[in-house]
Amino acid sequence: MEAVTLLGTGAAILSTISFTPQAWKVIRTGETKDISVWSYAITVTAFALWVTYGLLRGDWPLVGSNAVCLLLSAFILAMTLAPRRVRQAVKREVT
């Protein structure tokens, strides 16, 4: 495997898993008070743009990794905007 491919693969894997701990913490605790809505709104928008860019270029690894990041960051944003009763309901269902 080429060094460039290894670099891209490593970046995709780390980017993808980087949102998992935060998403799991939100699910486990039901708390989002320390999460910046604006930061996640920008992040979700950025990932949506990356997915669109990847689709237009036909770059499926770029699409795949950014689509997963988009889903995880959108979940965190949605939970941050959701009322406490909804976050608690998710917590009860998953844990």
C-alpha atoms as a PDB file:
ATOM      1  CA  MET A   1       0.000   0.000   0.000  1.00  0.00           C
ATOM      2  CA  GLU A   2       1.310   3.460  -0.883  1.00  0.00           C
ATOM      3  CA  ALA A   3       2.255   5.894   1.859  1.00  0.00           C
ATOM      4  CA  VAL A   4      -0.378   8.363   0.621  1.00  0.00           C
ATOM      5  CA  THR A   5      -3.081   5.691   0.839  1.00  0.00           C
ATOM      6  CA  LEU A   6      -1.962   4.735   4.341  1.00  0.00           C
ATOM      7  CA  LEU A   7      -2.023   8.367   5.379  1.00  0.00           C
ATOM      8  CA  GLY A   8      -5.531   8.854   3.996  1.00  0.00           C
ATOM      9  CA  THR A   9      -6.761   5.621   5.564  1.00  0.00           C
ATOM     10  CA  GLY A  10      -5.373   6.607   8.963  1.00  0.00           C
ATOM     11  CA  ALA A  11      -6.937  10.057   8.731  1.00  0.00           C
ATOM     12  CA  ALA A  12     -10.307   8.586   7.734  1.00  0.00           C
ATOM     13  CA  ILE A  13     -10.291   6.060  10.578  1.00  0.00           C
ATOM     14  CA  LEU A  14      -9.277   8.599  13.218  1.00  0.00           C
ATOM     15  CA  SER A  15     -11.744  11.215  11.969  1.00  0.00           C
ATOM     16  CA  THR A  16     -14.529   8.675  11.971  1.00  0.00           C
ATOM     17  CA  ILE A  17     -13.918   7.380  15.474  1.00  0.00           C
ATOM     18  CA  SER A  18     -13.185  10.815  16.958  1.00  0.00           C
ATOM     19  CA  PHE A  19     -16.898  11.571  17.474  1.00  0.00           C
ATOM     20  CA  THR A  20     -17.742   8.188  18.992  1.00  0.00           C
ATOM     21  CA  PRO A  21     -16.648   8.969  22.590  1.00  0.00           C
ATOM     22  CA  GLN A  22     -18.671  12.205  22.653  1.00  0.00           C
ATOM     23  CA  ALA A  23     -21.745  10.523  21.165  1.00  0.00           C
ATOM     24  CA  TRP A  24     -21.503   7.672  23.671  1.00  0.00           C
ATOM     25  CA  LYS A  25     -21.097  10.114  26.583  1.00  0.00           C
ATOM     26  CA  VAL A  26     -24.233  11.979  25.486  1.00  0.00           C
ATOM     27  CA  ILE A  27     -26.138   8.691  25.291  1.00  0.00           C
ATOM     28  CA  ARG A  28     -24.785   7.393  28.604  1.00  0.00           C
ATOM     29  CA  THR A  29     -25.311  10.574  30.626  1.00  0.00           C
ATOM     30  CA  GLY A  30     -28.072  12.357  28.731  1.00  0.00           C
ATOM     31  CA  GLU A  31     -26.157  15.592  29.332  1.00  0.00           C
ATOM     32  CA  THR A  32     -25.163  18.125  26.673  1.00  0.00           C
ATOM     33  CA  LYS A  33     -24.779  21.351  28.649  1.00  0.00           C
ATOM     34  CA  ASP A  34     -21.050  21.694  27.878  1.00  0.00           C
ATOM     35  CA  ILE A  35     -21.392  21.103  24.122  1.00  0.00           C
ATOM     36  CA  SER A  36     -21.213  24.116  21.832  1.00  0.00           C
ATOM     37  CA  VAL A  37     -24.222  24.177  19.505  1.00  0.00           C
ATOM     38  CA  TRP A  38     -22.460  26.547  17.101  1.00  0.00           C
ATOM     39  CA  SER A  39     -19.350  24.385  16.959  1.00  0.00           C
ATOM     40  CA  TYR A  40     -21.368  21.298  16.085  1.00  0.00           C
ATOM     41  CA  ALA A  41     -23.540  23.222  13.614  1.00  0.00           C
ATOM     42  CA  ILE A  42     -20.381  24.258  11.771  1.00  0.00           C
ATOM     43  CA  THR A  43     -18.982  20.725  11.989  1.00  0.00           C
ATOM     44  CA  VAL A  44     -22.173  19.169  10.607  1.00  0.00           C
ATOM     45  CA  THR A  45     -22.194  21.677   7.755  1.00  0.00           C
ATOM     46  CA  ALA A  46     -18.541  20.969   6.977  1.00  0.00           C
ATOM     47  CA  PHE A  47     -19.114  17.207   6.845  1.00  0.00           C
ATOM     48  CA  ALA A  48     -22.161  17.688   4.619  1.00  0.00           C
ATOM     49  CA  LEU A  49     -20.002  19.730   2.259  1.00  0.00           C
ATOM     50  CA  TRP A  50     -17.238  17.086   2.312  1.00  0.00           C
ATOM     51  CA  VAL A  51     -19.769  14.368   1.471  1.00  0.00           C
ATOM     52  CA  THR A  52     -21.124  16.474  -1.394  1.00  0.00           C
ATOM     53  CA  TYR A  53     -17.600  17.180  -2.640  1.00  0.00           C
ATOM     54  CA  GLY A  54     -16.722  13.484  -2.481  1.00  0.00           C
ATOM     55  CA  LEU A  55     -19.888  12.538  -4.357  1.00  0.00           C
ATOM     56  CA  LEU A  56     -19.167  15.071  -7.098  1.00  0.00           C
ATOM     57  CA  ARG A  57     -15.613  13.739  -7.441  1.00  0.00           C
ATOM     58  CA  GLY A  58     -16.665  10.104  -7.172  1.00  0.00           C
ATOM     59  CA  ASP A  59     -14.256   9.684  -4.249  1.00  0.00           C
ATOM     60  CA  TRP A  60     -16.011   6.939  -2.291  1.00  0.00           C
ATOM     61  CA  PRO A  61     -13.532   6.643   0.606  1.00  0.00           C
ATOM     62  CA  LEU A  62     -13.963  10.388   1.176  1.00  0.00           C
ATOM     63  CA  VAL A  63     -17.738  10.027   1.008  1.00  0.00           C
ATOM     64  CA  GLY A  64     -17.827   7.025   3.348  1.00  0.00           C
ATOM     65  CA  SER A  65     -15.666   8.389   6.127  1.00  0.00           C
ATOM     66  CA  ASN A  66     -17.269  11.835   6.053  1.00  0.00           C
ATOM     67  CA  ALA A  67     -20.780  10.374   5.912  1.00  0.00           C
ATOM     68  CA  VAL A  68     -20.119   8.478   9.154  1.00  0.00           C
ATOM     69  CA  CYS A  69     -18.682  11.641  10.733  1.00  0.00           C
ATOM     70  CA  LEU A  70     -21.722  13.559   9.499  1.00  0.00           C
ATOM     71  CA  LEU A  71     -24.101  11.084  11.131  1.00  0.00           C
ATOM     72  CA  LEU A  72     -22.256  11.068  14.451  1.00  0.00           C
ATOM     73  CA  SER A  73     -21.845  14.845  14.637  1.00  0.00           C
ATOM     74  CA  ALA A  74     -25.464  15.399  13.530  1.00  0.00           C
ATOM     75  CA  PHE A  75     -26.599  13.040  16.301  1.00  0.00           C
ATOM     76  CA  ILE A  76     -24.603  15.022  18.867  1.00  0.00           C
ATOM     77  CA  LEU A  77     -26.027  18.297  17.538  1.00  0.00           C
ATOM     78  CA  ALA A  78     -29.583  16.920  17.562  1.00  0.00           C
ATOM     79  CA  MET A  79     -29.171  15.704  21.128  1.00  0.00           C
ATOM     80  CA  THR A  80     -27.765  19.094  22.143  1.00  0.00           C
ATOM     81  CA  LEU A  81     -30.835  20.817  20.712  1.00  0.00           C
ATOM     82  CA  ALA A  82     -33.296  18.213  22.044  1.00  0.00           C
ATOM     83  CA  PRO A  83     -35.247  18.815  25.240  1.00  0.00           C
ATOM     84  CA  ARG A  84     -33.975  17.043  28.363  1.00  0.00           C
ATOM     85  CA  ARG A  85     -36.893  14.573  28.314  1.00  0.00           C
ATOM     86  CA  VAL A  86     -35.859  13.395  24.827  1.00  0.00           C
ATOM     87  CA  ARG A  87     -32.204  12.981  25.849  1.00  0.00           C
ATOM     88  CA  GLN A  88     -33.289  11.021  28.904  1.00  0.00           C
ATOM     89  CA  ALA A  89     -35.543   8.810  26.771  1.00  0.00           C
ATOM     90  CA  VAL A  90     -32.603   8.026  24.460  1.00  0.00           C
ATOM     91  CA  LYS A  91     -30.467   7.272  27.500  1.00  0.00           C
ATOM     92  CA  ARG A  92     -33.087   4.836  28.858  1.00  0.00           C
ATOM     93  CA  GLU A  93     -33.514   3.088  25.508  1.00  0.00           C
ATOM     94  CA  VAL A  94     -29.825   2.597  24.767  1.00  0.00           C
ATOM     95  CA  THR A  95     -28.271   1.952  28.172  1.00  0.00           C
END
